C-alpha atoms as a PDB file:
ATOM      1  CA  UNK A   1      -5.396  14.227  -0.863  1.00  0.00           C
ATOM      2  CA  UNK A   2      -9.207  13.310  -1.522  1.00  0.00           C
ATOM      3  CA  UNK A   3      -8.534  10.488  -3.679  1.00  0.00           C
ATOM      4  CA  UNK A   4      -5.607   9.089  -1.712  1.00  0.00           C
ATOM      5  CA  UNK A   5      -7.454   8.625   2.071  1.00  0.00           C
ATOM      6  CA  UNK A   6     -10.054   7.037  -0.601  1.00  0.00           C
ATOM      7  CA  UNK A   7      -7.830   5.251  -1.593  1.00  0.00           C
ATOM      8  CA  UNK A   8      -6.684   3.970   2.118  1.00  0.00           C
ATOM      9  CA  UNK A   9     -10.236   3.412   3.544  1.00  0.00           C
ATOM     10  CA  UNK A  10     -10.450   0.743   0.356  1.00  0.00           C
ATOM     11  CA  UNK A  11      -7.122  -0.553   1.357  1.00  0.00           C
ATOM     12  CA  UNK A  12      -8.619  -1.079   4.835  1.00  0.00           C
ATOM     13  CA  UNK A  13     -11.653  -2.085   4.220  1.00  0.00           C
ATOM     14  CA  UNK A  14     -10.078  -4.673   2.876  1.00  0.00           C
ATOM     15  CA  UNK A  15      -7.754  -6.080   5.128  1.00  0.00           C
ATOM     16  CA  UNK A  16     -10.369  -5.208   8.203  1.00  0.00           C
ATOM     17  CA  UNK A  17     -11.832  -8.850   6.496  1.00  0.00           C
ATOM     18  CA  UNK A  18      -8.414 -10.766   6.880  1.00  0.00           C
ATOM     19  CA  UNK A  19      -7.661 -13.381  10.068  1.00  0.00           C
ATOM     20  CA  UNK A  20      -5.281 -12.603  13.158  1.00  0.00           C
ATOM     21  CA  UNK A  21      -2.688 -14.554  13.331  1.00  0.00           C
ATOM     22  CA  UNK A  22      -3.252 -16.253  16.690  1.00  0.00           C
ATOM     23  CA  UNK A  23      -3.836 -20.150  15.323  1.00  0.00           C
ATOM     24  CA  UNK A  24      -1.839 -23.006  17.098  1.00  0.00           C
ATOM     25  CA  UNK A  25       1.187 -23.021  15.688  1.00  0.00           C
ATOM     26  CA  UNK A  26       1.291 -19.836  13.533  1.00  0.00           C
ATOM     27  CA  UNK A  27       4.137 -17.375  13.682  1.00  0.00           C
ATOM     28  CA  UNK A  28       2.096 -14.212  13.069  1.00  0.00           C
ATOM     29  CA  UNK A  29       4.648 -13.550   9.663  1.00  0.00           C
ATOM     30  CA  UNK A  30       2.036 -12.371   7.150  1.00  0.00           C
ATOM     31  CA  UNK A  31       0.437 -10.262  10.286  1.00  0.00           C
ATOM     32  CA  UNK A  32       3.839  -8.913  10.620  1.00  0.00           C
ATOM     33  CA  UNK A  33       4.082  -8.988   6.905  1.00  0.00           C
ATOM     34  CA  UNK A  34       0.722  -6.546   6.612  1.00  0.00           C
ATOM     35  CA  UNK A  35       2.132  -4.051   9.469  1.00  0.00           C
ATOM     36  CA  UNK A  36       5.402  -3.818   7.683  1.00  0.00           C
ATOM     37  CA  UNK A  37       3.675  -3.248   4.379  1.00  0.00           C
ATOM     38  CA  UNK A  38       1.724   0.166   5.914  1.00  0.00           C
ATOM     39  CA  UNK A  39       4.782   1.645   8.199  1.00  0.00           C
ATOM     40  CA  UNK A  40       5.704   1.076   4.527  1.00  0.00           C
ATOM     41  CA  UNK A  41       3.977   3.372   3.333  1.00  0.00           C
ATOM     42  CA  UNK A  42       2.637   5.412   6.322  1.00  0.00           C
ATOM     43  CA  UNK A  43       6.995   7.202   5.058  1.00  0.00           C
ATOM     44  CA  UNK A  44       5.162   8.526   2.052  1.00  0.00           C
ATOM     45  CA  UNK A  45       8.492   6.833   0.247  1.00  0.00           C
ATOM     46  CA  UNK A  46       6.923   4.779  -2.872  1.00  0.00           C
ATOM     47  CA  UNK A  47      10.539   3.001  -2.513  1.00  0.00           C
ATOM     48  CA  UNK A  48      10.085   2.108   1.101  1.00  0.00           C
ATOM     49  CA  UNK A  49       6.960   0.363   0.356  1.00  0.00           C
ATOM     50  CA  UNK A  50       8.770  -0.563  -3.108  1.00  0.00           C
ATOM     51  CA  UNK A  51      10.456  -4.144  -2.448  1.00  0.00           C
ATOM     52  CA  UNK A  52       6.946  -6.750  -1.792  1.00  0.00           C
ATOM     53  CA  UNK A  53       5.715  -5.380  -5.570  1.00  0.00           C
ATOM     54  CA  UNK A  54       6.484  -6.022  -8.956  1.00  0.00           C
ATOM     55  CA  UNK A  55       9.246  -4.702 -10.650  1.00  0.00           C
ATOM     56  CA  UNK A  56       8.739  -5.421 -14.053  1.00  0.00           C
ATOM     57  CA  UNK A  57       7.544  -3.319 -17.246  1.00  0.00           C
ATOM     58  CA  UNK A  58       4.313  -5.187 -18.457  1.00  0.00           C
ATOM     59  CA  UNK A  59       2.885  -5.263 -14.942  1.00  0.00           C
ATOM     60  CA  UNK A  60      -0.072  -3.353 -13.822  1.00  0.00           C
ATOM     61  CA  UNK A  61      -1.074  -1.279 -11.122  1.00  0.00           C
ATOM     62  CA  UNK A  62      -4.941  -0.433 -10.250  1.00  0.00           C
ATOM     63  CA  UNK A  63      -5.242   2.457  -8.200  1.00  0.00           C
ATOM     64  CA  UNK A  64      -8.995   5.400  -7.276  1.00  0.00           C
ATOM     65  CA  UNK A  65      -6.683   7.122 -10.661  1.00  0.00           C
ATOM     66  CA  UNK A  66      -6.242   6.464 -12.730  1.00  0.00           C
ATOM     67  CA  UNK A  67      -7.619   3.491 -12.540  1.00  0.00           C
ATOM     68  CA  UNK A  68      -4.817   1.791 -14.109  1.00  0.00           C
ATOM     69  CA  UNK A  69      -0.871   2.328 -13.902  1.00  0.00           C
ATOM     70  CA  UNK A  70       1.429   0.545 -16.485  1.00  0.00           C
ATOM     71  CA  UNK A  71       4.833  -0.942 -14.633  1.00  0.00           C
ATOM     72  CA  UNK A  72       6.261   0.026 -11.037  1.00  0.00           C
ATOM     73  CA  UNK A  73       8.043   3.375 -12.374  1.00  0.00           C
ATOM     74  CA  UNK A  74       4.418   4.899 -13.529  1.00  0.00           C
ATOM     75  CA  UNK A  75       2.402   3.356 -10.537  1.00  0.00           C
ATOM     76  CA  UNK A  76       5.824   5.241  -7.961  1.00  0.00           C
ATOM     77  CA  UNK A  77       5.436   8.667 -10.134  1.00  0.00           C
ATOM     78  CA  UNK A  78       1.425   8.666  -9.625  1.00  0.00           C
ATOM     79  CA  UNK A  79       1.577   8.422  -5.843  1.00  0.00           C
ATOM     80  CA  UNK A  80       5.009  10.726  -4.803  1.00  0.00           C
ATOM     81  CA  UNK A  81       1.931  12.882  -7.026  1.00  0.00           C
ATOM     82  CA  UNK A  82      -0.726  12.349  -4.385  1.00  0.00           C
ATOM     83  CA  UNK A  83       1.651  12.455  -1.299  1.00  0.00           C
ATOM     84  CA  UNK A  84       2.778  15.685  -2.618  1.00  0.00           C
ATOM     85  CA  UNK A  85       0.092  16.963  -1.262  1.00  0.00           C
ATOM     86  CA  UNK A  86       0.388  14.719   2.331  1.00  0.00           C
ATOM     87  CA  UNK A  87       2.185  15.899   5.052  1.00  0.00           C
ATOM     88  CA  UNK A  88       2.058  13.248   6.319  1.00  0.00           C
ATOM     89  CA  UNK A  89       0.258   9.777   7.448  1.00  0.00           C
ATOM     90  CA  UNK A  90      -0.405   7.810   9.541  1.00  0.00           C
ATOM     91  CA  UNK A  91      -1.971   3.521   8.581  1.00  0.00           C
ATOM     92  CA  UNK A  92      -2.610   1.344  10.977  1.00  0.00           C
ATOM     93  CA  UNK A  93      -4.641  -2.073  10.889  1.00  0.00           C
END
C-alpha cells in the first residue's frame, strides 16, 4: 500500500504543474482527458485505465517497485497486486 500511495504522490507531483486549459479558444480537451484518467485509476481497476496505454508486448512501463514492467499485461498484473491491499482510492488533480 505504501508503494501505491507513493506512486500516486509522484503522479500528482508530476501533473500538478500542468497548466489549466483556460486559454481563449481552448476547449479543455486535455484537462478533460486527464480528469478521465484519474477517475479510471480511482476505480482501482487497471482495465478501466487501460485505453490510452500501449498494448504491444515490447512496451515498457516504469513504476516504483518493481521499477520496470515489460508489456501492459505484466504492468496490469503488478498494479492489481498493489491495489489488492487497498479498499478504495480517490485520485484528483
